[in-house]
Amino acid sequence: MGTDNISQNVTDRFRTAKNVVARFKAAKILPTVEGFLLHLQGGLVQYDERASKRRGHNPYALGHYMGALGKIRDDTARFKDSEDHGDLMKLKKSIERRFIVSDMPPAKRTLKAIDEFISSGKAPNYPVTKVPKNLPKEK
């Protein structure tokens, strides 16, 4: 494999990664109970990823977050495909019961997204972090 082929391969991978991130940034989540749970799940994973870089991070924290998310899924299983405002309020109550919302930014963001959908009808975007810095620059 020549140098030109390697360079082209890296450039193609960069474009693919950039396109995937752009698609996720534009991706709207269905405003159902399951959609808001997906919003919360993405936020929790990203929150743990950022927290893992800090000193003293609990390496088991993500497991606890996903355990709480599983309990919320169990609480809301009967109406997971619902967009009804009453069912979304039940989801909010379940999130508030399973997380200490004042200490959990992803839960706060999800609750805010639910409130925004109820008040304006605007569907939430999938939570996406920035494009990774270690990708090669496009020529």
Protein backbone atom coordinates (compact mmCIF):
# COMPACT_ATOMS: atom_id res chain seq x y z
CA MET A 1 0.00 0.00 0.00
CA GLY A 2 1.55 3.28 -1.09
CA THR A 3 1.67 6.55 0.78
CA ASP A 4 -1.02 8.03 -1.46
CA ASN A 5 -3.40 5.19 -0.63
CA ILE A 6 -2.83 5.62 3.12
CA SER A 7 -3.38 9.36 2.85
CA GLN A 8 -6.59 8.81 0.88
CA ASN A 9 -7.77 6.22 3.40
CA VAL A 10 -7.23 8.65 6.30
CA THR A 11 -9.04 11.42 4.42
CA ASP A 12 -11.97 9.12 3.66
CA ARG A 13 -12.21 8.07 7.31
CA PHE A 14 -12.17 11.71 8.40
CA ARG A 15 -14.98 12.59 6.01
CA THR A 16 -17.01 9.60 7.17
CA ALA A 17 -16.55 10.49 10.86
CA LYS A 18 -17.41 14.12 10.19
CA ASN A 19 -20.55 13.13 8.26
CA VAL A 20 -21.68 10.78 11.04
CA VAL A 21 -21.30 13.52 13.65
CA ALA A 22 -23.14 16.00 11.40
CA ARG A 23 -26.02 13.55 10.92
CA PHE A 24 -26.31 12.98 14.67
CA LYS A 25 -26.24 16.72 15.37
CA ALA A 26 -29.17 17.14 13.00
CA ALA A 27 -30.96 14.01 14.23
CA LYS A 28 -34.28 14.67 15.89
CA ILE A 29 -35.51 12.17 18.42
CA LEU A 30 -39.12 11.06 18.29
CA PRO A 31 -40.91 12.90 21.09
CA THR A 32 -42.13 9.69 22.72
CA VAL A 33 -41.31 8.37 26.17
CA GLU A 34 -38.77 6.00 24.57
CA GLY A 35 -37.27 8.90 22.59
CA PHE A 36 -36.73 10.94 25.73
CA LEU A 37 -35.17 7.90 27.41
CA LEU A 38 -32.76 7.70 24.46
CA HIS A 39 -32.00 11.40 25.02
CA LEU A 40 -31.27 10.69 28.69
CA GLN A 41 -29.14 7.63 27.88
CA GLY A 42 -26.96 9.57 25.44
CA GLY A 43 -26.53 12.36 27.96
CA LEU A 44 -25.57 9.95 30.74
CA VAL A 45 -22.93 8.22 28.63
CA GLN A 46 -21.38 11.53 27.58
CA TYR A 47 -21.51 12.84 31.15
CA ASP A 48 -19.66 9.76 32.42
CA GLU A 49 -17.13 10.02 29.60
CA ARG A 50 -16.30 13.60 30.59
CA ALA A 51 -16.29 12.75 34.32
CA SER A 52 -13.93 9.79 33.79
CA LYS A 53 -11.15 12.22 32.92
CA ARG A 54 -11.34 13.77 36.39
CA ARG A 55 -9.41 12.57 39.36
CA GLY A 56 -11.40 10.45 41.80
CA HIS A 57 -14.01 9.34 39.26
CA ASN A 58 -16.00 6.24 40.22
CA PRO A 59 -15.36 3.69 37.44
CA TYR A 60 -18.68 2.01 38.29
CA ALA A 61 -20.75 5.19 37.95
CA LEU A 62 -21.98 4.45 34.43
CA GLY A 63 -23.30 1.09 35.62
CA HIS A 64 -25.27 2.84 38.36
CA TYR A 65 -26.62 5.38 35.85
CA MET A 66 -27.72 2.61 33.49
CA GLY A 67 -29.29 0.74 36.41
CA ALA A 68 -31.38 3.80 37.26
CA LEU A 69 -32.24 4.20 33.57
CA GLY A 70 -33.38 0.56 33.50
CA LYS A 71 -35.67 1.21 36.47
CA ILE A 72 -37.12 4.23 34.64
CA ARG A 73 -37.70 2.04 31.56
CA ASP A 74 -39.52 -0.47 33.79
CA ASP A 75 -41.64 2.33 35.29
CA THR A 76 -42.65 3.57 31.84
CA ALA A 77 -42.81 0.29 29.85
CA ARG A 78 -46.61 0.39 29.47
CA PHE A 79 -46.56 3.69 27.60
CA LYS A 80 -43.10 3.80 25.98
CA ASP A 81 -44.47 4.72 22.52
CA SER A 82 -46.76 7.46 23.84
CA GLU A 83 -46.47 11.18 23.07
CA ASP A 84 -49.28 12.00 25.50
CA HIS A 85 -48.46 14.87 27.84
CA GLY A 86 -49.73 12.92 30.84
CA ASP A 87 -47.38 10.03 30.06
CA LEU A 88 -44.48 12.45 29.61
CA MET A 89 -45.27 13.91 33.02
CA LYS A 90 -45.12 10.37 34.46
CA LEU A 91 -41.70 10.00 32.81
CA LYS A 92 -40.55 13.24 34.43
CA LYS A 93 -41.70 12.00 37.85
CA SER A 94 -39.82 8.73 37.33
CA ILE A 95 -36.62 10.57 36.34
CA GLU A 96 -36.94 12.81 39.40
CA ARG A 97 -37.45 9.76 41.61
CA ARG A 98 -34.43 7.84 40.25
CA PHE A 99 -31.89 10.69 40.00
CA ILE A 100 -30.98 13.58 42.26
CA VAL A 101 -31.72 16.00 39.46
CA SER A 102 -29.88 18.96 41.00
CA ASP A 103 -26.63 16.94 40.80
CA MET A 104 -27.22 15.30 37.42
CA PRO A 105 -26.95 17.59 34.35
CA PRO A 106 -28.15 14.94 31.84
CA ALA A 107 -31.36 14.44 33.83
CA LYS A 108 -31.84 18.23 34.00
CA ARG A 109 -31.40 18.51 30.22
CA THR A 110 -33.88 15.71 29.57
CA LEU A 111 -36.46 17.26 31.89
CA LYS A 112 -35.95 20.59 30.14
CA ALA A 113 -36.40 18.91 26.73
CA ILE A 114 -39.65 17.30 27.94
CA ASP A 115 -40.93 20.66 29.21
CA GLU A 116 -39.98 22.33 25.93
CA PHE A 117 -41.82 19.66 23.94
CA ILE A 118 -44.92 19.99 26.11
CA SER A 119 -44.96 23.79 25.83
CA SER A 120 -43.90 24.29 22.19
CA GLY A 121 -44.13 20.90 20.48
CA LYS A 122 -40.43 21.01 19.51
CA ALA A 123 -38.82 17.55 19.32
CA PRO A 124 -35.42 17.23 21.03
CA ASN A 125 -32.12 16.68 19.25
CA TYR A 126 -29.92 13.74 20.10
CA PRO A 127 -27.25 15.00 22.55
CA VAL A 128 -23.94 15.07 20.67
CA THR A 129 -20.57 16.24 21.86
CA LYS A 130 -18.06 18.07 19.67
CA VAL A 131 -16.15 16.47 16.81
CA PRO A 132 -13.14 14.66 18.31
CA LYS A 133 -9.97 16.77 18.15
CA ASN A 134 -7.69 13.90 17.17
CA LEU A 135 -9.22 13.47 13.71
CA PRO A 136 -6.87 14.54 10.92
CA LYS A 137 -7.53 17.87 9.25
CA GLU A 138 -9.33 17.70 5.90
CA LYS A 139 -7.31 19.07 2.98
